[in-house]
Amino acid sequence: MALDAAKSAITQGFLLNSQCHRYPAAMAIKFDAEELIGKVDAVRATQLPYAASRAMDQLGWELKSKAWPAFSLRTFNTVNPVPFTTGNGGVGGLLYKHERGTSTLTISLDRPAPKGQDPARYLAPSESGGPIYITRFTRALGYRGLKPSSYTYAAPVIDSGGFAGEINEYGRVRNSYYKSILDGLDRGMSPSKTKSGNRSRSKYTGYRFFSVPDASRARRGSQHLAPGIYRAKGRSELQLLFLYLNKVPTVASKWSFEEFAEQETQRLLPGILSKALEEALR
């Protein structure tokens, strides 16, 4: 009886956060102590609840600090995922919670994030498959009344020449450039003035940024241009920055949070639990 009770302490040892965007309800991945570390004798069984609790806390740290960053680098479609995805640098990444004295570990990609940009939300399309995450820039164009409602997504045209020097070390458009473009769109046909009428100090002061079509105003002479966001200087320089799309691009499913959790736990937990049990017997 004592052995069975002790074994049950680790049986339900891994719980995925019920608040995760990907999962509408709680789910558990269960493990049996003897399947992980072999036969447990009566002496070890008395220490198993304590060892299991310590092991789950250590497992959470290992998943957050090592397993998830490594998985991110292997899985996502970039050589250098941003720190908020991997958790490198102490920001973002995977969250874990373990209540002392229990053998249940909760993990999640949900976390407080600026403007809803938590990893659970923007990684969900590549997990479940389907439409990609609508960017803040696309939403901002809609809020400003620039992007007609018939278009659902503004896709960057990186090779247009309009992004030179504006791609960061992670292969993404710099946030500051998104802001410069939005500020330029606000300035409209007066590129040297801010929206409030003051002189602009932006390095793109000499450029005009405009939308084709522009839902906020009629514009002549641009009917021959493809729908999107443009940057222009003088009469000779014209670059397409973003192309308006009628449908949001889709991606195929390429990973599973549940599979990550189960596979990495199967790999890590036996060694962690065995060590915790031996330390408890000293």
C-alpha atoms as a PDB file:
ATOM      1  CA  MET A   1       0.000   0.000   0.000  1.00  0.00           C
ATOM      2  CA  ALA A   2       2.804   2.408   0.920  1.00  0.00           C
ATOM      3  CA  LEU A   3       4.540   1.696  -2.362  1.00  0.00           C
ATOM      4  CA  ASP A   4       1.358   2.250  -4.380  1.00  0.00           C
ATOM      5  CA  ALA A   5       0.657   5.517  -2.591  1.00  0.00           C
ATOM      6  CA  ALA A   6       4.183   6.743  -3.160  1.00  0.00           C
ATOM      7  CA  LYS A   7       4.109   5.782  -6.821  1.00  0.00           C
ATOM      8  CA  SER A   8       0.894   7.731  -7.314  1.00  0.00           C
ATOM      9  CA  ALA A   9       2.714  10.893  -6.278  1.00  0.00           C
ATOM     10  CA  ILE A  10       4.607  10.886  -9.555  1.00  0.00           C
ATOM     11  CA  THR A  11       1.948   9.244 -11.720  1.00  0.00           C
ATOM     12  CA  GLN A  12       0.287  12.525 -12.674  1.00  0.00           C
ATOM     13  CA  GLY A  13       3.453  14.473 -13.056  1.00  0.00           C
ATOM     14  CA  PHE A  14       3.004  16.880 -15.932  1.00  0.00           C
ATOM     15  CA  LEU A  15       0.132  19.276 -16.572  1.00  0.00           C
ATOM     16  CA  LEU A  16      -0.113  21.660 -19.525  1.00  0.00           C
ATOM     17  CA  ASN A  17      -1.507  25.074 -18.640  1.00  0.00           C
ATOM     18  CA  SER A  18      -5.249  25.291 -19.239  1.00  0.00           C
ATOM     19  CA  GLN A  19      -4.835  28.967 -20.157  1.00  0.00           C
ATOM     20  CA  CYS A  20      -2.628  28.287 -23.164  1.00  0.00           C
ATOM     21  CA  HIS A  21      -4.200  29.696 -26.356  1.00  0.00           C
ATOM     22  CA  ARG A  22      -3.587  26.429 -28.167  1.00  0.00           C
ATOM     23  CA  TYR A  23      -5.475  24.317 -25.609  1.00  0.00           C
ATOM     24  CA  PRO A  24      -9.016  25.214 -24.496  1.00  0.00           C
ATOM     25  CA  ALA A  25      -9.037  22.717 -21.599  1.00  0.00           C
ATOM     26  CA  ALA A  26      -6.543  21.269 -19.136  1.00  0.00           C
ATOM     27  CA  MET A  27      -4.686  18.137 -20.096  1.00  0.00           C
ATOM     28  CA  ALA A  28      -2.201  15.954 -18.307  1.00  0.00           C
ATOM     29  CA  ILE A  29       0.649  13.735 -19.403  1.00  0.00           C
ATOM     30  CA  LYS A  30       1.035  10.952 -16.875  1.00  0.00           C
ATOM     31  CA  PHE A  31       4.171   9.073 -15.912  1.00  0.00           C
ATOM     32  CA  ASP A  32       4.742   6.044 -13.709  1.00  0.00           C
ATOM     33  CA  ALA A  33       7.796   6.140 -11.455  1.00  0.00           C
ATOM     34  CA  GLU A  34       8.805   2.525 -12.098  1.00  0.00           C
ATOM     35  CA  GLU A  35       8.513   2.996 -15.854  1.00  0.00           C
ATOM     36  CA  LEU A  36      10.913   5.933 -15.574  1.00  0.00           C
ATOM     37  CA  ILE A  37      13.551   4.609 -13.158  1.00  0.00           C
ATOM     38  CA  GLY A  38      12.854   0.898 -12.693  1.00  0.00           C
ATOM     39  CA  LYS A  39      11.654  -1.066  -9.706  1.00  0.00           C
ATOM     40  CA  VAL A  40      11.246   1.002  -6.532  1.00  0.00           C
ATOM     41  CA  ASP A  41      11.799  -0.895  -3.249  1.00  0.00           C
ATOM     42  CA  ALA A  42       9.984  -0.158  -0.006  1.00  0.00           C
ATOM     43  CA  VAL A  43      12.778   2.023   1.390  1.00  0.00           C
ATOM     44  CA  ARG A  44      12.931   4.235  -1.697  1.00  0.00           C
ATOM     45  CA  ALA A  45       9.145   4.354  -1.876  1.00  0.00           C
ATOM     46  CA  THR A  46       8.983   6.216   1.428  1.00  0.00           C
ATOM     47  CA  GLN A  47      11.107   9.019  -0.053  1.00  0.00           C
ATOM     48  CA  LEU A  48       9.451   9.053  -3.450  1.00  0.00           C
ATOM     49  CA  PRO A  49       6.885  11.851  -2.778  1.00  0.00           C
ATOM     50  CA  TYR A  50       9.624  14.193  -1.543  1.00  0.00           C
ATOM     51  CA  ALA A  51      11.987  13.250  -4.377  1.00  0.00           C
ATOM     52  CA  ALA A  52       9.197  13.595  -6.937  1.00  0.00           C
ATOM     53  CA  SER A  53       8.427  17.135  -5.802  1.00  0.00           C
ATOM     54  CA  ARG A  54      12.081  18.164  -6.052  1.00  0.00           C
ATOM     55  CA  ALA A  55      12.402  16.437  -9.422  1.00  0.00           C
ATOM     56  CA  MET A  56       9.430  18.287 -10.904  1.00  0.00           C
ATOM     57  CA  ASP A  57      10.829  21.641  -9.841  1.00  0.00           C
ATOM     58  CA  GLN A  58      14.173  20.775 -11.451  1.00  0.00           C
ATOM     59  CA  LEU A  59      12.385  19.506 -14.563  1.00  0.00           C
ATOM     60  CA  GLY A  60      10.599  22.843 -14.946  1.00  0.00           C
ATOM     61  CA  TRP A  61      13.895  24.700 -14.818  1.00  0.00           C
ATOM     62  CA  GLU A  62      15.497  22.337 -17.352  1.00  0.00           C
ATOM     63  CA  LEU A  63      12.571  22.679 -19.775  1.00  0.00           C
ATOM     64  CA  LYS A  64      12.582  26.479 -19.555  1.00  0.00           C
ATOM     65  CA  SER A  65      16.326  27.107 -19.544  1.00  0.00           C
ATOM     66  CA  LYS A  66      17.646  24.419 -21.897  1.00  0.00           C
ATOM     67  CA  ALA A  67      15.084  22.208 -23.628  1.00  0.00           C
ATOM     68  CA  TRP A  68      12.745  24.926 -24.953  1.00  0.00           C
ATOM     69  CA  PRO A  69      15.497  27.247 -26.300  1.00  0.00           C
ATOM     70  CA  ALA A  70      17.127  24.276 -28.079  1.00  0.00           C
ATOM     71  CA  PHE A  71      13.770  23.139 -29.464  1.00  0.00           C
ATOM     72  CA  SER A  72      13.051  26.678 -30.716  1.00  0.00           C
ATOM     73  CA  LEU A  73      16.329  26.801 -32.621  1.00  0.00           C
ATOM     74  CA  ARG A  74      15.636  23.413 -34.231  1.00  0.00           C
ATOM     75  CA  THR A  75      12.009  24.010 -35.088  1.00  0.00           C
ATOM     76  CA  PHE A  76      11.110  27.536 -36.115  1.00  0.00           C
ATOM     77  CA  ASN A  77      11.738  28.954 -39.569  1.00  0.00           C
ATOM     78  CA  THR A  78      14.596  31.244 -38.639  1.00  0.00           C
ATOM     79  CA  VAL A  79      18.264  30.738 -37.860  1.00  0.00           C
ATOM     80  CA  ASN A  80      17.989  33.084 -34.905  1.00  0.00           C
ATOM     81  CA  PRO A  81      14.584  33.122 -33.135  1.00  0.00           C
ATOM     82  CA  VAL A  82      13.889  36.240 -31.066  1.00  0.00           C
ATOM     83  CA  PRO A  83      14.630  36.051 -27.310  1.00  0.00           C
ATOM     84  CA  PHE A  84      10.932  36.425 -26.479  1.00  0.00           C
ATOM     85  CA  THR A  85      10.347  33.077 -28.216  1.00  0.00           C
ATOM     86  CA  THR A  86      13.335  31.163 -26.844  1.00  0.00           C
ATOM     87  CA  GLY A  87      13.560  32.789 -23.429  1.00  0.00           C
ATOM     88  CA  ASN A  88      17.251  33.626 -23.911  1.00  0.00           C
ATOM     89  CA  GLY A  89      18.388  36.665 -21.996  1.00  0.00           C
ATOM     90  CA  GLY A  90      15.821  36.032 -19.272  1.00  0.00           C
ATOM     91  CA  VAL A  91      12.826  37.313 -21.236  1.00  0.00           C
ATOM     92  CA  GLY A  92       9.879  35.486 -22.750  1.00  0.00           C
ATOM     93  CA  GLY A  93      10.019  31.816 -23.590  1.00  0.00           C
ATOM     94  CA  LEU A  94       8.394  29.024 -21.619  1.00  0.00           C
ATOM     95  CA  LEU A  95       6.792  29.543 -18.206  1.00  0.00           C
ATOM     96  CA  TYR A  96       6.602  26.876 -15.522  1.00  0.00           C
ATOM     97  CA  LYS A  97       4.951  26.641 -12.134  1.00  0.00           C
ATOM     98  CA  HIS A  98       5.475  24.009  -9.483  1.00  0.00           C
ATOM     99  CA  GLU A  99       3.781  24.043  -6.088  1.00  0.00           C
ATOM    100  CA  ARG A 100       6.130  22.861  -3.403  1.00  0.00           C
ATOM    101  CA  GLY A 101       5.282  19.428  -2.055  1.00  0.00           C
ATOM    102  CA  THR A 102       3.404  18.310  -5.179  1.00  0.00           C
ATOM    103  CA  SER A 103       4.422  16.292  -8.210  1.00  0.00           C
ATOM    104  CA  THR A 104       2.470  18.359 -10.732  1.00  0.00           C
ATOM    105  CA  LEU A 105       4.265  20.780 -13.021  1.00  0.00           C
ATOM    106  CA  THR A 106       2.419  23.358 -15.106  1.00  0.00           C
ATOM    107  CA  ILE A 107       4.028  24.795 -18.236  1.00  0.00           C
ATOM    108  CA  SER A 108       2.790  27.397 -20.676  1.00  0.00           C
ATOM    109  CA  LEU A 109       3.779  29.806 -23.420  1.00  0.00           C
ATOM    110  CA  ASP A 110       1.175  32.299 -22.217  1.00  0.00           C
ATOM    111  CA  ARG A 111       2.663  35.333 -20.524  1.00  0.00           C
ATOM    112  CA  PRO A 112       1.978  39.044 -20.162  1.00  0.00           C
ATOM    113  CA  ALA A 113       3.226  40.609 -23.373  1.00  0.00           C
ATOM    114  CA  PRO A 114       3.010  44.024 -25.023  1.00  0.00           C
ATOM    115  CA  LYS A 115      -0.058  44.365 -27.264  1.00  0.00           C
ATOM    116  CA  GLY A 116      -0.914  40.671 -27.140  1.00  0.00           C
ATOM    117  CA  GLN A 117       2.364  39.477 -28.613  1.00  0.00           C
ATOM    118  CA  ASP A 118       2.831  36.489 -26.285  1.00  0.00           C
ATOM    119  CA  PRO A 119       4.551  33.410 -27.789  1.00  0.00           C
ATOM    120  CA  ALA A 120       1.427  31.251 -27.346  1.00  0.00           C
ATOM    121  CA  ARG A 121      -0.442  33.547 -29.707  1.00  0.00           C
ATOM    122  CA  TYR A 122       2.091  34.137 -32.479  1.00  0.00           C
ATOM    123  CA  LEU A 123       3.406  30.545 -32.514  1.00  0.00           C
ATOM    124  CA  ALA A 124      -0.082  29.001 -32.629  1.00  0.00           C
ATOM    125  CA  PRO A 125      -0.454  29.069 -36.471  1.00  0.00           C
ATOM    126  CA  SER A 126       2.702  26.982 -37.013  1.00  0.00           C
ATOM    127  CA  GLU A 127       1.447  24.466 -34.434  1.00  0.00           C
ATOM    128  CA  SER A 128      -2.155  24.030 -35.513  1.00  0.00           C
ATOM    129  CA  GLY A 129      -1.711  24.979 -39.185  1.00  0.00           C
ATOM    130  CA  GLY A 130      -3.785  27.617 -40.924  1.00  0.00           C
ATOM    131  CA  PRO A 131      -3.725  31.425 -41.262  1.00  0.00           C
ATOM    132  CA  ILE A 132      -0.642  33.148 -39.882  1.00  0.00           C
ATOM    133  CA  TYR A 133      -0.756  35.659 -37.052  1.00  0.00           C
ATOM    134  CA  ILE A 134      -1.975  39.112 -38.144  1.00  0.00           C
ATOM    135  CA  THR A 135       0.861  41.530 -37.440  1.00  0.00           C
ATOM    136  CA  ARG A 136       0.514  44.651 -35.315  1.00  0.00           C
ATOM    137  CA  PHE A 137       1.526  46.684 -38.374  1.00  0.00           C
ATOM    138  CA  THR A 138      -1.348  45.298 -40.438  1.00  0.00           C
ATOM    139  CA  ARG A 139      -3.760  46.016 -37.600  1.00  0.00           C
ATOM    140  CA  ALA A 140      -2.367  49.549 -37.216  1.00  0.00           C
ATOM    141  CA  LEU A 141      -3.042  50.262 -40.890  1.00  0.00           C
ATOM    142  CA  GLY A 142      -6.653  49.256 -40.337  1.00  0.00           C
ATOM    143  CA  TYR A 143      -6.976  51.336 -37.165  1.00  0.00           C
ATOM    144  CA  ARG A 144      -5.698  54.394 -39.040  1.00  0.00           C
ATOM    145  CA  GLY A 145      -8.220  53.883 -41.822  1.00  0.00           C
ATOM    146  CA  LEU A 146      -5.482  53.457 -44.433  1.00  0.00           C
ATOM    147  CA  LYS A 147      -5.899  49.823 -45.456  1.00  0.00           C
ATOM    148  CA  PRO A 148      -9.216  49.105 -47.177  1.00  0.00           C
ATOM    149  CA  SER A 149     -11.199  46.402 -45.394  1.00  0.00           C
ATOM    150  CA  SER A 150     -11.161  44.263 -48.560  1.00  0.00           C
ATOM    151  CA  TYR A 151      -7.490  43.497 -47.850  1.00  0.00           C
ATOM    152  CA  THR A 152      -6.620  41.349 -44.854  1.00  0.00           C
ATOM    153  CA  TYR A 153      -2.824  41.402 -44.637  1.00  0.00           C
ATOM    154  CA  ALA A 154       0.144  43.670 -45.441  1.00  0.00           C
ATOM    155  CA  ALA A 155       3.079  41.453 -46.491  1.00  0.00           C
ATOM    156  CA  PRO A 156       6.567  43.017 -46.443  1.00  0.00           C
ATOM    157  CA  VAL A 157       8.449  43.007 -49.769  1.00  0.00           C
ATOM    158  CA  ILE A 158      11.908  42.672 -48.232  1.00  0.00           C
ATOM    159  CA  ASP A 159      13.836  42.554 -51.533  1.00  0.00           C
ATOM    160  CA  SER A 160      12.300  45.804 -52.846  1.00  0.00           C
ATOM    161  CA  GLY A 161      15.219  47.920 -51.652  1.00  0.00           C
ATOM    162  CA  GLY A 162      13.031  49.817 -49.221  1.00  0.00           C
ATOM    163  CA  PHE A 163      14.274  47.817 -46.219  1.00  0.00           C
ATOM    164  CA  ALA A 164      18.016  48.385 -46.636  1.00  0.00           C
ATOM    165  CA  GLY A 165      19.567  48.782 -43.176  1.00  0.00           C
ATOM    166  CA  GLU A 166      16.238  48.109 -41.481  1.00  0.00           C
ATOM    167  CA  ILE A 167      16.503  44.345 -40.893  1.00  0.00           C
ATOM    168  CA  ASN A 168      17.692  43.344 -37.418  1.00  0.00           C
ATOM    169  CA  GLU A 169      19.969  40.508 -36.331  1.00  0.00           C
ATOM    170  CA  TYR A 170      16.974  38.152 -36.155  1.00  0.00           C
ATOM    171  CA  GLY A 171      16.095  38.683 -39.826  1.00  0.00           C
ATOM    172  CA  ARG A 172      13.052  40.807 -39.002  1.00  0.00           C
ATOM    173  CA  VAL A 173      12.042  44.364 -39.830  1.00  0.00           C
ATOM    174  CA  ARG A 174      13.120  46.730 -37.056  1.00  0.00           C
ATOM    175  CA  ASN A 175      10.310  47.984 -34.831  1.00  0.00           C
ATOM    176  CA  SER A 176      11.655  51.508 -35.273  1.00  0.00           C
ATOM    177  CA  TYR A 177      11.146  51.245 -39.053  1.00  0.00           C
ATOM    178  CA  TYR A 178       7.540  50.154 -38.629  1.00  0.00           C
ATOM    179  CA  LYS A 179       7.066  53.278 -36.502  1.00  0.00           C
ATOM    180  CA  SER A 180       8.823  55.453 -39.108  1.00  0.00           C
ATOM    181  CA  ILE A 181       6.513  54.122 -41.819  1.00  0.00           C
ATOM    182  CA  LEU A 182       3.391  54.740 -39.737  1.00  0.00           C
ATOM    183  CA  ASP A 183       4.616  58.234 -38.842  1.00  0.00           C
ATOM    184  CA  GLY A 184       5.314  58.874 -42.533  1.00  0.00           C
ATOM    185  CA  LEU A 185       1.822  57.718 -43.458  1.00  0.00           C
ATOM    186  CA  ASP A 186       0.425  60.092 -40.832  1.00  0.00           C
ATOM    187  CA  ARG A 187       2.415  62.976 -42.358  1.00  0.00           C
ATOM    188  CA  GLY A 188       0.912  62.227 -45.755  1.00  0.00           C
ATOM    189  CA  MET A 189       1.908  64.722 -48.452  1.00  0.00           C
ATOM    190  CA  SER A 190       3.794  66.926 -45.959  1.00  0.00           C
ATOM    191  CA  PRO A 191       6.810  64.690 -45.204  1.00  0.00           C
ATOM    192  CA  SER A 192       8.726  67.407 -43.345  1.00  0.00           C
ATOM    193  CA  LYS A 193       5.935  67.977 -40.805  1.00  0.00           C
ATOM    194  CA  THR A 194       4.634  65.802 -37.997  1.00  0.00           C
ATOM    195  CA  LYS A 195       0.926  65.149 -37.574  1.00  0.00           C
ATOM    196  CA  SER A 196       0.800  68.019 -35.048  1.00  0.00           C
ATOM    197  CA  GLY A 197       2.437  70.423 -37.527  1.00  0.00           C
ATOM    198  CA  ASN A 198       5.921  70.462 -36.007  1.00  0.00           C
ATOM    199  CA  ARG A 199       9.057  69.813 -38.050  1.00  0.00           C
ATOM    200  CA  SER A 200       9.831  66.099 -38.248  1.00  0.00           C
ATOM    201  CA  ARG A 201      13.228  64.836 -37.059  1.00  0.00           C
ATOM    202  CA  SER A 202      12.884  61.424 -38.673  1.00  0.00           C
ATOM    203  CA  LYS A 203      15.707  60.275 -40.942  1.00  0.00           C
ATOM    204  CA  TYR A 204      12.978  59.603 -43.493  1.00  0.00           C
ATOM    205  CA  THR A 205      11.764  63.205 -43.456  1.00  0.00           C
ATOM    206  CA  GLY A 206      12.486  63.576 -47.179  1.00  0.00           C
ATOM    207  CA  TYR A 207      10.383  60.542 -48.089  1.00  0.00           C
ATOM    208  CA  ARG A 208       6.671  60.294 -48.716  1.00  0.00           C
ATOM    209  CA  PHE A 209       4.852  57.179 -47.494  1.00  0.00           C
ATOM    210  CA  PHE A 210       1.432  56.402 -48.907  1.00  0.00           C
ATOM    211  CA  SER A 211      -1.144  53.643 -49.284  1.00  0.00           C
ATOM    212  CA  VAL A 212      -2.613  52.389 -52.562  1.00  0.00           C
ATOM    213  CA  PRO A 213      -5.546  52.461 -52.357  1.00  0.00           C
ATOM    214  CA  ASP A 214      -5.965  54.760 -49.365  1.00  0.00           C
ATOM    215  CA  ALA A 215      -9.201  54.167 -47.508  1.00  0.00           C
ATOM    216  CA  SER A 216      -8.903  57.572 -45.822  1.00  0.00           C
ATOM    217  CA  ARG A 217      -8.568  59.739 -48.937  1.00  0.00           C
ATOM    218  CA  ALA A 218      -8.853  59.644 -52.710  1.00  0.00           C
ATOM    219  CA  ARG A 219      -5.512  59.676 -54.529  1.00  0.00           C
ATOM    220  CA  ARG A 220      -5.022  60.397 -58.187  1.00  0.00           C
ATOM    221  CA  GLY A 221      -2.311  59.016 -60.386  1.00  0.00           C
ATOM    222  CA  SER A 222      -1.690  55.812 -58.418  1.00  0.00           C
ATOM    223  CA  GLN A 223      -4.256  53.519 -60.030  1.00  0.00           C
ATOM    224  CA  HIS A 224      -1.497  51.788 -62.007  1.00  0.00           C
ATOM    225  CA  LEU A 225       0.305  50.688 -58.815  1.00  0.00           C
ATOM    226  CA  ALA A 226      -0.211  47.344 -57.085  1.00  0.00           C
ATOM    227  CA  PRO A 227      -2.160  47.602 -53.802  1.00  0.00           C
ATOM    228  CA  GLY A 228       0.159  48.230 -50.877  1.00  0.00           C
ATOM    229  CA  ILE A 229       2.338  50.669 -48.930  1.00  0.00           C
ATOM    230  CA  TYR A 230       4.909  52.725 -50.869  1.00  0.00           C
ATOM    231  CA  ARG A 231       7.897  54.918 -50.105  1.00  0.00           C
ATOM    232  CA  ALA A 232       8.814  57.699 -52.555  1.00  0.00           C
ATOM    233  CA  LYS A 233      11.427  60.414 -52.846  1.00  0.00           C
ATOM    234  CA  GLY A 234      11.322  63.016 -55.573  1.00  0.00           C
ATOM    235  CA  ARG A 235      10.027  61.902 -58.934  1.00  0.00           C
ATOM    236  CA  SER A 236      12.387  59.002 -59.611  1.00  0.00           C
ATOM    237  CA  GLU A 237      12.523  56.888 -56.441  1.00  0.00           C
ATOM    238  CA  LEU A 238       9.516  54.688 -55.713  1.00  0.00           C
ATOM    239  CA  GLN A 239       9.615  51.484 -53.659  1.00  0.00           C
ATOM    240  CA  LEU A 240       6.889  49.037 -52.718  1.00  0.00           C
ATOM    241  CA  LEU A 241       7.284  48.230 -49.019  1.00  0.00           C
ATOM    242  CA  PHE A 242       4.199  46.133 -48.254  1.00  0.00           C
ATOM    243  CA  LEU A 243       1.851  44.335 -50.596  1.00  0.00           C
ATOM    244  CA  TYR A 244      -1.829  44.154 -49.666  1.00  0.00           C
ATOM    245  CA  LEU A 245      -3.214  40.623 -49.797  1.00  0.00           C
ATOM    246  CA  ASN A 246      -6.851  39.580 -50.117  1.00  0.00           C
ATOM    247  CA  LYS A 247      -6.253  36.476 -47.997  1.00  0.00           C
ATOM    248  CA  VAL A 248      -4.076  35.913 -44.961  1.00  0.00           C
ATOM    249  CA  PRO A 249      -1.147  33.566 -45.811  1.00  0.00           C
ATOM    250  CA  THR A 250      -1.337  30.083 -44.321  1.00  0.00           C
ATOM    251  CA  VAL A 251       1.289  27.728 -42.914  1.00  0.00           C
ATOM    252  CA  ALA A 252       1.377  23.980 -42.359  1.00  0.00           C
ATOM    253  CA  SER A 253       1.524  22.482 -38.874  1.00  0.00           C
ATOM    254  CA  LYS A 254       5.160  21.829 -37.966  1.00  0.00           C
ATOM    255  CA  TRP A 255       5.332  21.260 -34.216  1.00  0.00           C
ATOM    256  CA  SER A 256       3.295  20.260 -31.153  1.00  0.00           C
ATOM    257  CA  PHE A 257       3.599  21.729 -27.672  1.00  0.00           C
ATOM    258  CA  GLU A 258       2.255  18.500 -26.186  1.00  0.00           C
ATOM    259  CA  GLU A 259       4.788  16.371 -28.073  1.00  0.00           C
ATOM    260  CA  PHE A 260       7.603  18.695 -27.003  1.00  0.00           C
ATOM    261  CA  ALA A 261       6.512  18.363 -23.370  1.00  0.00           C
ATOM    262  CA  GLU A 262       6.150  14.592 -23.435  1.00  0.00           C
ATOM    263  CA  GLN A 263       9.326  13.810 -25.382  1.00  0.00           C
ATOM    264  CA  GLU A 264      11.555  16.155 -23.403  1.00  0.00           C
ATOM    265  CA  THR A 265      10.109  14.942 -20.110  1.00  0.00           C
ATOM    266  CA  GLN A 266      10.709  11.312 -21.076  1.00  0.00           C
ATOM    267  CA  ARG A 267      14.293  12.276 -21.862  1.00  0.00           C
ATOM    268  CA  LEU A 268      15.010  14.391 -18.784  1.00  0.00           C
ATOM    269  CA  LEU A 269      12.868  13.106 -15.923  1.00  0.00           C
ATOM    270  CA  PRO A 270      14.393   9.644 -15.349  1.00  0.00           C
ATOM    271  CA  GLY A 271      17.831  11.080 -14.590  1.00  0.00           C
ATOM    272  CA  ILE A 272      16.434  13.958 -12.546  1.00  0.00           C
ATOM    273  CA  LEU A 273      14.152  11.697 -10.488  1.00  0.00           C
ATOM    274  CA  SER A 274      16.855   9.094  -9.858  1.00  0.00           C
ATOM    275  CA  LYS A 275      19.244  11.784  -8.626  1.00  0.00           C
ATOM    276  CA  ALA A 276      16.577  13.368  -6.406  1.00  0.00           C
ATOM    277  CA  LEU A 277      15.723   9.973  -4.911  1.00  0.00           C
ATOM    278  CA  GLU A 278      19.351   9.134  -4.151  1.00  0.00           C
ATOM    279  CA  GLU A 279      19.842  12.539  -2.509  1.00  0.00           C
ATOM    280  CA  ALA A 280      16.717  12.014  -0.401  1.00  0.00           C
ATOM    281  CA  LEU A 281      18.144   8.738   0.960  1.00  0.00           C
ATOM    282  CA  ARG A 282      21.431  10.243   2.128  1.00  0.00           C
END
